[in-house]
PDB file of N, CA and C in Angstrom:
ATOM      1  N   MET A   1     168.111 144.254 144.595  1.00  0.00           N
ATOM      2  CA  MET A   1     169.140 145.040 143.984  1.00  0.00           C
ATOM      3  C   MET A   1     169.337 144.650 142.518  1.00  0.00           C
ATOM      4  N   LEU A   2     169.304 143.350 142.208  1.00  0.00           N
ATOM      5  CA  LEU A   2     169.478 142.929 140.817  1.00  0.00           C
ATOM      6  C   LEU A   2     168.120 142.720 140.167  1.00  0.00           C
ATOM      7  N   ASP A   3     167.992 143.260 138.972  1.00  0.00           N
ATOM      8  CA  ASP A   3     166.756 143.105 138.217  1.00  0.00           C
ATOM      9  C   ASP A   3     166.821 141.856 137.348  1.00  0.00           C
ATOM     10  N   HIS A   4     167.993 141.617 136.753  1.00  0.00           N
ATOM     11  CA  HIS A   4     168.187 140.430 135.922  1.00  0.00           C
ATOM     12  C   HIS A   4     169.697 140.236 135.701  1.00  0.00           C
ATOM     13  N   VAL A   5     170.063 139.071 135.256  1.00  0.00           N
ATOM     14  CA  VAL A   5     171.463 138.734 134.958  1.00  0.00           C
ATOM     15  C   VAL A   5     171.566 138.379 133.488  1.00  0.00           C
ATOM     16  N   VAL A   6     172.638 138.854 132.814  1.00  0.00           N
ATOM     17  CA  VAL A   6     172.852 138.571 131.409  1.00  0.00           C
ATOM     18  C   VAL A   6     174.188 137.875 131.234  1.00  0.00           C
ATOM     19  N   ILE A   7     174.193 136.774 130.489  1.00  0.00           N
ATOM     20  CA  ILE A   7     175.402 136.073 130.113  1.00  0.00           C
ATOM     21  C   ILE A   7     175.702 136.370 128.660  1.00  0.00           C
ATOM     22  N   GLY A   8     176.868 136.957 128.378  1.00  0.00           N
ATOM     23  CA  GLY A   8     177.290 137.231 127.019  1.00  0.00           C
ATOM     24  C   GLY A   8     177.843 135.974 126.375  1.00  0.00           C
ATOM     25  N   VAL A   9     177.406 135.687 125.149  1.00  0.00           N
ATOM     26  CA  VAL A   9     177.801 134.432 124.484  1.00  0.00           C
ATOM     27  C   VAL A   9     178.324 134.713 123.073  1.00  0.00           C
ATOM     28  N   ALA A  10     179.142 133.803 122.575  1.00  0.00           N
ATOM     29  CA  ALA A  10     179.700 133.932 121.220  1.00  0.00           C
ATOM     30  C   ALA A  10     178.752 133.363 120.165  1.00  0.00           C
ATOM     31  N   ASP A  11     178.079 132.263 120.466  1.00  0.00           N
ATOM     32  CA  ASP A  11     177.145 131.625 119.541  1.00  0.00           C
ATOM     33  C   ASP A  11     175.765 131.620 120.187  1.00  0.00           C
ATOM     34  N   TYR A  12     174.961 132.598 119.811  1.00  0.00           N
ATOM     35  CA  TYR A  12     173.666 132.806 120.459  1.00  0.00           C
ATOM     36  C   TYR A  12     172.753 131.587 120.352  1.00  0.00           C
ATOM     37  N   GLU A  13     172.538 131.041 119.157  1.00  0.00           N
ATOM     38  CA  GLU A  13     171.612 129.939 118.984  1.00  0.00           C
ATOM     39  C   GLU A  13     172.033 128.703 119.750  1.00  0.00           C
ATOM     40  N   ARG A  14     173.338 128.388 119.701  1.00  0.00           N
ATOM     41  CA  ARG A  14     173.845 127.229 120.453  1.00  0.00           C
ATOM     42  C   ARG A  14     173.666 127.419 121.952  1.00  0.00           C
ATOM     43  N   SER A  15     173.947 128.620 122.435  1.00  0.00           N
ATOM     44  CA  SER A  15     173.820 128.887 123.866  1.00  0.00           C
ATOM     45  C   SER A  15     172.362 128.907 124.307  1.00  0.00           C
ATOM     46  N   LYS A  16     171.473 129.451 123.463  1.00  0.00           N
ATOM     47  CA  LYS A  16     170.049 129.431 123.802  1.00  0.00           C
ATOM     48  C   LYS A  16     169.547 128.007 123.959  1.00  0.00           C
ATOM     49  N   ALA A  17     169.964 127.132 123.048  1.00  0.00           N
ATOM     50  CA  ALA A  17     169.555 125.724 123.121  1.00  0.00           C
ATOM     51  C   ALA A  17     170.108 125.067 124.391  1.00  0.00           C
ATOM     52  N   PHE A  18     171.365 125.360 124.723  1.00  0.00           N
ATOM     53  CA  PHE A  18     171.982 124.790 125.915  1.00  0.00           C
ATOM     54  C   PHE A  18     171.228 125.231 127.170  1.00  0.00           C
ATOM     55  N   TYR A  19     171.021 126.544 127.321  1.00  0.00           N
ATOM     56  CA  TYR A  19     170.354 127.053 128.516  1.00  0.00           C
ATOM     57  C   TYR A  19     168.890 126.638 128.581  1.00  0.00           C
ATOM     58  N   ARG A  20     168.265 126.509 127.422  1.00  0.00           N
ATOM     59  CA  ARG A  20     166.866 126.039 127.426  1.00  0.00           C
ATOM     60  C   ARG A  20     166.800 124.625 128.033  1.00  0.00           C
ATOM     61  N   ALA A  21     167.703 123.749 127.630  1.00  0.00           N
ATOM     62  CA  ALA A  21     167.741 122.394 128.174  1.00  0.00           C
ATOM     63  C   ALA A  21     168.162 122.395 129.635  1.00  0.00           C
ATOM     64  N   ALA A  22     169.152 123.209 129.972  1.00  0.00           N
ATOM     65  CA  ALA A  22     169.671 123.209 131.349  1.00  0.00           C
ATOM     66  C   ALA A  22     168.679 123.806 132.342  1.00  0.00           C
ATOM     67  N   LEU A  23     167.887 124.782 131.918  1.00  0.00           N
ATOM     68  CA  LEU A  23     166.956 125.434 132.842  1.00  0.00           C
ATOM     69  C   LEU A  23     165.576 124.815 132.855  1.00  0.00           C
ATOM     70  N   ALA A  24     165.284 123.942 131.893  1.00  0.00           N
ATOM     71  CA  ALA A  24     163.959 123.295 131.848  1.00  0.00           C
ATOM     72  C   ALA A  24     163.603 122.567 133.142  1.00  0.00           C
ATOM     73  N   PRO A  25     164.520 121.824 133.774  1.00  0.00           N
ATOM     74  CA  PRO A  25     164.149 121.148 135.013  1.00  0.00           C
ATOM     75  C   PRO A  25     163.744 122.112 136.153  1.00  0.00           C
ATOM     76  N   LEU A  26     164.134 123.375 136.025  1.00  0.00           N
ATOM     77  CA  LEU A  26     163.753 124.374 137.028  1.00  0.00           C
ATOM     78  C   LEU A  26     162.454 125.075 136.661  1.00  0.00           C
ATOM     79  N   GLY A  27     161.864 124.682 135.524  1.00  0.00           N
ATOM     80  CA  GLY A  27     160.627 125.283 135.093  1.00  0.00           C
ATOM     81  C   GLY A  27     160.801 126.608 134.365  1.00  0.00           C
ATOM     82  N   LEU A  28     162.032 126.897 133.936  1.00  0.00           N
ATOM     83  CA  LEU A  28     162.312 128.138 133.221  1.00  0.00           C
ATOM     84  C   LEU A  28     162.369 127.877 131.740  1.00  0.00           C
ATOM     85  N   ASP A  29     161.874 128.850 130.955  1.00  0.00           N
ATOM     86  CA  ASP A  29     161.947 128.762 129.519  1.00  0.00           C
ATOM     87  C   ASP A  29     162.035 130.185 128.940  1.00  0.00           C
ATOM     88  N   VAL A  30     162.264 130.286 127.661  1.00  0.00           N
ATOM     89  CA  VAL A  30     162.326 131.610 127.016  1.00  0.00           C
ATOM     90  C   VAL A  30     160.976 132.273 127.127  1.00  0.00           C
ATOM     91  N   VAL A  31     160.938 133.468 127.728  1.00  0.00           N
ATOM     92  CA  VAL A  31     159.700 134.224 127.848  1.00  0.00           C
ATOM     93  C   VAL A  31     159.724 135.499 127.023  1.00  0.00           C
ATOM     94  N   LEU A  32     160.946 135.890 126.555  1.00  0.00           N
ATOM     95  CA  LEU A  32     161.074 137.079 125.715  1.00  0.00           C
ATOM     96  C   LEU A  32     162.319 136.943 124.869  1.00  0.00           C
ATOM     97  N   GLU A  33     162.216 137.279 123.590  1.00  0.00           N
ATOM     98  CA  GLU A  33     163.388 137.217 122.723  1.00  0.00           C
ATOM     99  C   GLU A  33     163.542 138.548 121.991  1.00  0.00           C
ATOM    100  N   ALA A  34     164.770 139.041 121.903  1.00  0.00           N
ATOM    101  CA  ALA A  34     165.061 140.343 121.324  1.00  0.00           C
ATOM    102  C   ALA A  34     165.828 140.195 120.015  1.00  0.00           C
ATOM    103  N   ASP A  35     165.159 140.372 118.903  1.00  0.00           N
ATOM    104  CA  ASP A  35     165.763 140.457 117.579  1.00  0.00           C
ATOM    105  C   ASP A  35     166.719 139.316 117.244  1.00  0.00           C
ATOM    106  N   GLY A  36     166.493 138.141 117.805  1.00  0.00           N
ATOM    107  CA  GLY A  36     167.325 136.998 117.509  1.00  0.00           C
ATOM    108  C   GLY A  36     168.752 137.107 117.993  1.00  0.00           C
ATOM    109  N   VAL A  37     169.024 138.009 118.933  1.00  0.00           N
ATOM    110  CA  VAL A  37     170.384 138.162 119.491  1.00  0.00           C
ATOM    111  C   VAL A  37     170.416 138.013 121.013  1.00  0.00           C
ATOM    112  N   ALA A  38     169.226 137.947 121.646  1.00  0.00           N
ATOM    113  CA  ALA A  38     169.155 137.817 123.092  1.00  0.00           C
ATOM    114  C   ALA A  38     167.805 137.244 123.463  1.00  0.00           C
ATOM    115  N   CYS A  39     167.780 136.496 124.563  1.00  0.00           N
ATOM    116  CA  CYS A  39     166.506 135.984 125.062  1.00  0.00           C
ATOM    117  C   CYS A  39     166.545 135.956 126.598  1.00  0.00           C
ATOM    118  N   GLY A  40     165.360 136.131 127.161  1.00  0.00           N
ATOM    119  CA  GLY A  40     165.203 136.109 128.605  1.00  0.00           C
ATOM    120  C   GLY A  40     164.471 134.863 129.044  1.00  0.00           C
ATOM    121  N   PHE A  41     165.038 134.148 130.008  1.00  0.00           N
ATOM    122  CA  PHE A  41     164.422 132.971 130.572  1.00  0.00           C
ATOM    123  C   PHE A  41     163.729 133.354 131.886  1.00  0.00           C
ATOM    124  N   GLY A  42     162.579 132.729 132.105  1.00  0.00           N
ATOM    125  CA  GLY A  42     161.882 133.005 133.348  1.00  0.00           C
ATOM    126  C   GLY A  42     160.624 132.198 133.432  1.00  0.00           C
ATOM    127  N   LYS A  43     159.738 132.639 134.315  1.00  0.00           N
ATOM    128  CA  LYS A  43     158.427 132.022 134.524  1.00  0.00           C
ATOM    129  C   LYS A  43     157.369 133.106 134.444  1.00  0.00           C
ATOM    130  N   GLN A  44     156.198 132.736 133.978  1.00  0.00           N
ATOM    131  CA  GLN A  44     155.034 133.630 133.957  1.00  0.00           C
ATOM    132  C   GLN A  44     155.351 134.962 133.282  1.00  0.00           C
ATOM    133  N   GLY A  45     156.105 134.919 132.184  1.00  0.00           N
ATOM    134  CA  GLY A  45     156.378 136.114 131.405  1.00  0.00           C
ATOM    135  C   GLY A  45     157.406 137.059 131.994  1.00  0.00           C
ATOM    136  N   ASN A  46     158.064 136.684 133.088  1.00  0.00           N
ATOM    137  CA  ASN A  46     159.023 137.570 133.751  1.00  0.00           C
ATOM    138  C   ASN A  46     160.454 137.096 133.502  1.00  0.00           C
ATOM    139  N   PRO A  47     161.189 137.714 132.542  1.00  0.00           N
ATOM    140  CA  PRO A  47     162.561 137.287 132.268  1.00  0.00           C
ATOM    141  C   PRO A  47     163.511 137.726 133.372  1.00  0.00           C
ATOM    142  N   GLU A  48     164.240 136.765 133.944  1.00  0.00           N
ATOM    143  CA  GLU A  48     165.186 137.065 135.006  1.00  0.00           C
ATOM    144  C   GLU A  48     166.621 136.716 134.656  1.00  0.00           C
ATOM    145  N   PHE A  49     166.796 135.821 133.715  1.00  0.00           N
ATOM    146  CA  PHE A  49     168.126 135.360 133.296  1.00  0.00           C
ATOM    147  C   PHE A  49     168.199 135.505 131.778  1.00  0.00           C
ATOM    148  N   TRP A  50     169.170 136.253 131.306  1.00  0.00           N
ATOM    149  CA  TRP A  50     169.302 136.554 129.881  1.00  0.00           C
ATOM    150  C   TRP A  50     170.561 135.953 129.285  1.00  0.00           C
ATOM    151  N   VAL A  51     170.466 135.564 128.020  1.00  0.00           N
ATOM    152  CA  VAL A  51     171.609 135.103 127.224  1.00  0.00           C
ATOM    153  C   VAL A  51     171.588 135.950 125.963  1.00  0.00           C
ATOM    154  N   GLY A  52     172.732 136.498 125.603  1.00  0.00           N
ATOM    155  CA  GLY A  52     172.771 137.316 124.389  1.00  0.00           C
ATOM    156  C   GLY A  52     174.175 137.511 123.856  1.00  0.00           C
ATOM    157  N   THR A  53     174.244 137.943 122.602  1.00  0.00           N
ATOM    158  CA  THR A  53     175.538 138.222 122.008  1.00  0.00           C
ATOM    159  C   THR A  53     176.225 139.352 122.758  1.00  0.00           C
ATOM    160  N   ARG A  54     177.529 139.376 122.725  1.00  0.00           N
ATOM    161  CA  ARG A  54     178.305 140.384 123.435  1.00  0.00           C
ATOM    162  C   ARG A  54     178.520 141.611 122.567  1.00  0.00           C
ATOM    163  N   GLU A  55     177.506 142.419 122.431  1.00  0.00           N
ATOM    164  CA  GLU A  55     177.635 143.647 121.697  1.00  0.00           C
ATOM    165  C   GLU A  55     177.566 144.793 122.694  1.00  0.00           C
ATOM    166  N   ARG A  56     178.445 145.759 122.514  1.00  0.00           N
ATOM    167  CA  ARG A  56     178.423 146.899 123.413  1.00  0.00           C
ATOM    168  C   ARG A  56     177.312 147.861 123.047  1.00  0.00           C
ATOM    169  N   SER A  57     176.525 148.216 124.017  1.00  0.00           N
ATOM    170  CA  SER A  57     175.481 149.223 123.841  1.00  0.00           C
ATOM    171  C   SER A  57     175.582 150.145 125.032  1.00  0.00           C
ATOM    172  N   CYS A  58     176.133 151.320 124.832  1.00  0.00           N
ATOM    173  CA  CYS A  58     176.422 152.173 125.973  1.00  0.00           C
ATOM    174  C   CYS A  58     175.503 153.382 126.048  1.00  0.00           C
ATOM    175  N   LYS A  59     174.554 153.550 125.128  1.00  0.00           N
ATOM    176  CA  LYS A  59     173.688 154.718 125.202  1.00  0.00           C
ATOM    177  C   LYS A  59     172.490 154.467 126.087  1.00  0.00           C
ATOM    178  N   PRO A  60     172.146 155.407 126.974  1.00  0.00           N
ATOM    179  CA  PRO A  60     170.920 155.256 127.757  1.00  0.00           C
ATOM    180  C   PRO A  60     169.709 155.557 126.876  1.00  0.00           C
ATOM    181  N   GLY A  61     168.621 154.925 127.213  1.00  0.00           N
ATOM    182  CA  GLY A  61     167.391 155.198 126.449  1.00  0.00           C
ATOM    183  C   GLY A  61     166.283 154.212 126.764  1.00  0.00           C
ATOM    184  N   LEU A  62     165.109 154.478 126.201  1.00  0.00           N
ATOM    185  CA  LEU A  62     163.984 153.586 126.359  1.00  0.00           C
ATOM    186  C   LEU A  62     164.255 152.253 125.676  1.00  0.00           C
ATOM    187  N   ARG A  63     163.849 151.192 126.316  1.00  0.00           N
ATOM    188  CA  ARG A  63     163.931 149.841 125.765  1.00  0.00           C
ATOM    189  C   ARG A  63     162.532 149.287 125.775  1.00  0.00           C
ATOM    190  N   GLU A  64     161.684 149.785 124.860  1.00  0.00           N
ATOM    191  CA  GLU A  64     160.273 149.440 124.869  1.00  0.00           C
ATOM    192  C   GLU A  64     160.014 147.958 124.584  1.00  0.00           C
ATOM    193  N   LEU A  65     161.017 147.236 124.118  1.00  0.00           N
ATOM    194  CA  LEU A  65     160.861 145.796 123.909  1.00  0.00           C
ATOM    195  C   LEU A  65     160.447 145.120 125.236  1.00  0.00           C
ATOM    196  N   TYR A  66     161.013 145.597 126.337  1.00  0.00           N
ATOM    197  CA  TYR A  66     160.737 145.000 127.634  1.00  0.00           C
ATOM    198  C   TYR A  66     159.389 145.467 128.178  1.00  0.00           C
ATOM    199  N   HIS A  67     159.155 146.783 128.193  1.00  0.00           N
ATOM    200  CA  HIS A  67     157.844 147.366 128.494  1.00  0.00           C
ATOM    201  C   HIS A  67     157.950 148.865 128.170  1.00  0.00           C
ATOM    202  N   PRO A  68     156.815 149.555 128.020  1.00  0.00           N
ATOM    203  CA  PRO A  68     156.819 150.943 127.503  1.00  0.00           C
ATOM    204  C   PRO A  68     157.636 151.952 128.307  1.00  0.00           C
ATOM    205  N   SER A  69     157.821 151.722 129.600  1.00  0.00           N
ATOM    206  CA  SER A  69     158.574 152.719 130.395  1.00  0.00           C
ATOM    207  C   SER A  69     159.923 152.187 130.895  1.00  0.00           C
ATOM    208  N   TYR A  70     160.476 151.187 130.239  1.00  0.00           N
ATOM    209  CA  TYR A  70     161.779 150.619 130.611  1.00  0.00           C
ATOM    210  C   TYR A  70     162.873 151.537 130.068  1.00  0.00           C
ATOM    211  N   TYR A  71     163.617 152.178 130.955  1.00  0.00           N
ATOM    212  CA  TYR A  71     164.717 153.075 130.569  1.00  0.00           C
ATOM    213  C   TYR A  71     165.988 152.490 131.124  1.00  0.00           C
ATOM    214  N   GLY A  72     166.928 152.148 130.241  1.00  0.00           N
ATOM    215  CA  GLY A  72     168.150 151.484 130.654  1.00  0.00           C
ATOM    216  C   GLY A  72     169.396 152.253 130.219  1.00  0.00           C
ATOM    217  N   ALA A  73     170.438 152.146 131.020  1.00  0.00           N
ATOM    218  CA  ALA A  73     171.753 152.724 130.691  1.00  0.00           C
ATOM    219  C   ALA A  73     172.799 151.684 131.060  1.00  0.00           C
ATOM    220  N   PHE A  74     173.855 151.572 130.226  1.00  0.00           N
ATOM    221  CA  PHE A  74     174.845 150.539 130.410  1.00  0.00           C
ATOM    222  C   PHE A  74     176.180 151.084 130.877  1.00  0.00           C
ATOM    223  N   VAL A  75     176.834 150.320 131.751  1.00  0.00           N
ATOM    224  CA  VAL A  75     178.181 150.620 132.223  1.00  0.00           C
ATOM    225  C   VAL A  75     178.972 149.327 132.055  1.00  0.00           C
ATOM    226  N   PHE A  76     180.212 149.416 131.574  1.00  0.00           N
ATOM    227  CA  PHE A  76     181.033 148.239 131.356  1.00  0.00           C
ATOM    228  C   PHE A  76     182.200 148.249 132.326  1.00  0.00           C
ATOM    229  N   ASP A  77     182.444 147.100 132.960  1.00  0.00           N
ATOM    230  CA  ASP A  77     183.573 146.974 133.879  1.00  0.00           C
ATOM    231  C   ASP A  77     184.852 146.735 133.074  1.00  0.00           C
ATOM    232  N   PRO A  78     186.017 146.670 133.707  1.00  0.00           N
ATOM    233  CA  PRO A  78     187.269 146.482 132.990  1.00  0.00           C
ATOM    234  C   PRO A  78     187.360 145.198 132.157  1.00  0.00           C
ATOM    235  N   ASP A  79     186.520 144.191 132.491  1.00  0.00           N
ATOM    236  CA  ASP A  79     186.529 142.943 131.722  1.00  0.00           C
ATOM    237  C   ASP A  79     185.402 142.895 130.689  1.00  0.00           C
ATOM    238  N   ASN A  80     184.790 144.033 130.417  1.00  0.00           N
ATOM    239  CA  ASN A  80     183.718 144.161 129.410  1.00  0.00           C
ATOM    240  C   ASN A  80     182.409 143.512 129.833  1.00  0.00           C
ATOM    241  N   ASN A  81     182.237 143.303 131.135  1.00  0.00           N
ATOM    242  CA  ASN A  81     180.938 142.842 131.627  1.00  0.00           C
ATOM    243  C   ASN A  81     179.989 144.020 131.681  1.00  0.00           C
ATOM    244  N   ASN A  82     178.751 143.788 131.299  1.00  0.00           N
ATOM    245  CA  ASN A  82     177.738 144.827 131.187  1.00  0.00           C
ATOM    246  C   ASN A  82     176.917 144.909 132.467  1.00  0.00           C
ATOM    247  N   ILE A  83     176.879 146.092 133.058  1.00  0.00           N
ATOM    248  CA  ILE A  83     176.022 146.358 134.210  1.00  0.00           C
ATOM    249  C   ILE A  83     175.013 147.386 133.745  1.00  0.00           C
ATOM    250  N   GLU A  84     173.739 147.085 133.899  1.00  0.00           N
ATOM    251  CA  GLU A  84     172.705 147.968 133.388  1.00  0.00           C
ATOM    252  C   GLU A  84     171.934 148.600 134.550  1.00  0.00           C
ATOM    253  N   ALA A  85     171.842 149.918 134.510  1.00  0.00           N
ATOM    254  CA  ALA A  85     170.989 150.646 135.445  1.00  0.00           C
ATOM    255  C   ALA A  85     169.643 150.818 134.777  1.00  0.00           C
ATOM    256  N   VAL A  86     168.556 150.519 135.517  1.00  0.00           N
ATOM    257  CA  VAL A  86     167.221 150.498 134.938  1.00  0.00           C
ATOM    258  C   VAL A  86     166.252 151.322 135.778  1.00  0.00           C
ATOM    259  N   CYS A  87     165.385 152.055 135.067  1.00  0.00           N
ATOM    260  CA  CYS A  87     164.253 152.738 135.717  1.00  0.00           C
ATOM    261  C   CYS A  87     162.997 152.213 135.068  1.00  0.00           C
ATOM    262  N   HIS A  88     162.047 151.773 135.883  1.00  0.00           N
ATOM    263  CA  HIS A  88     160.784 151.223 135.379  1.00  0.00           C
ATOM    264  C   HIS A  88     159.622 152.212 135.468  1.00  0.00           C
ATOM    265  N   LYS A  89     159.882 153.405 135.972  1.00  0.00           N
ATOM    266  CA  LYS A  89     158.807 154.380 136.192  1.00  0.00           C
ATOM    267  C   LYS A  89     158.388 155.052 134.879  1.00  0.00           C
ATOM    268  N   PRO A  90     157.114 155.310 134.711  1.00  0.00           N
ATOM    269  CA  PRO A  90     156.664 156.025 133.520  1.00  0.00           C
ATOM    270  C   PRO A  90     157.243 157.444 133.480  1.00  0.00           C
ATOM    271  N   ALA A  91     157.376 157.968 132.277  1.00  0.00           N
ATOM    272  CA  ALA A  91     157.917 159.319 132.100  1.00  0.00           C
ATOM    273  C   ALA A  91     157.033 160.312 132.834  1.00  0.00           C
TER     274      ALA A  91
END
């Protein structure tokens, strides 16, 4: 049901360093970074846990940074947590 989890942070670089150290014993490291505002931790190139700045992005669309057919749309709950619906199928 869940494709990945994202933690919104106030200080991206500080949080990236913290999670890099905290997740290293589990064998996880940064496998993808998006424009210096978000990064995905995982194994074998598969990001499963994300850390990023808390910017609202509510428009659906292609997110080719992840892969060519990644189509995502965002929904925000009452506490401003981001839930993303994703389709991985090619157009």
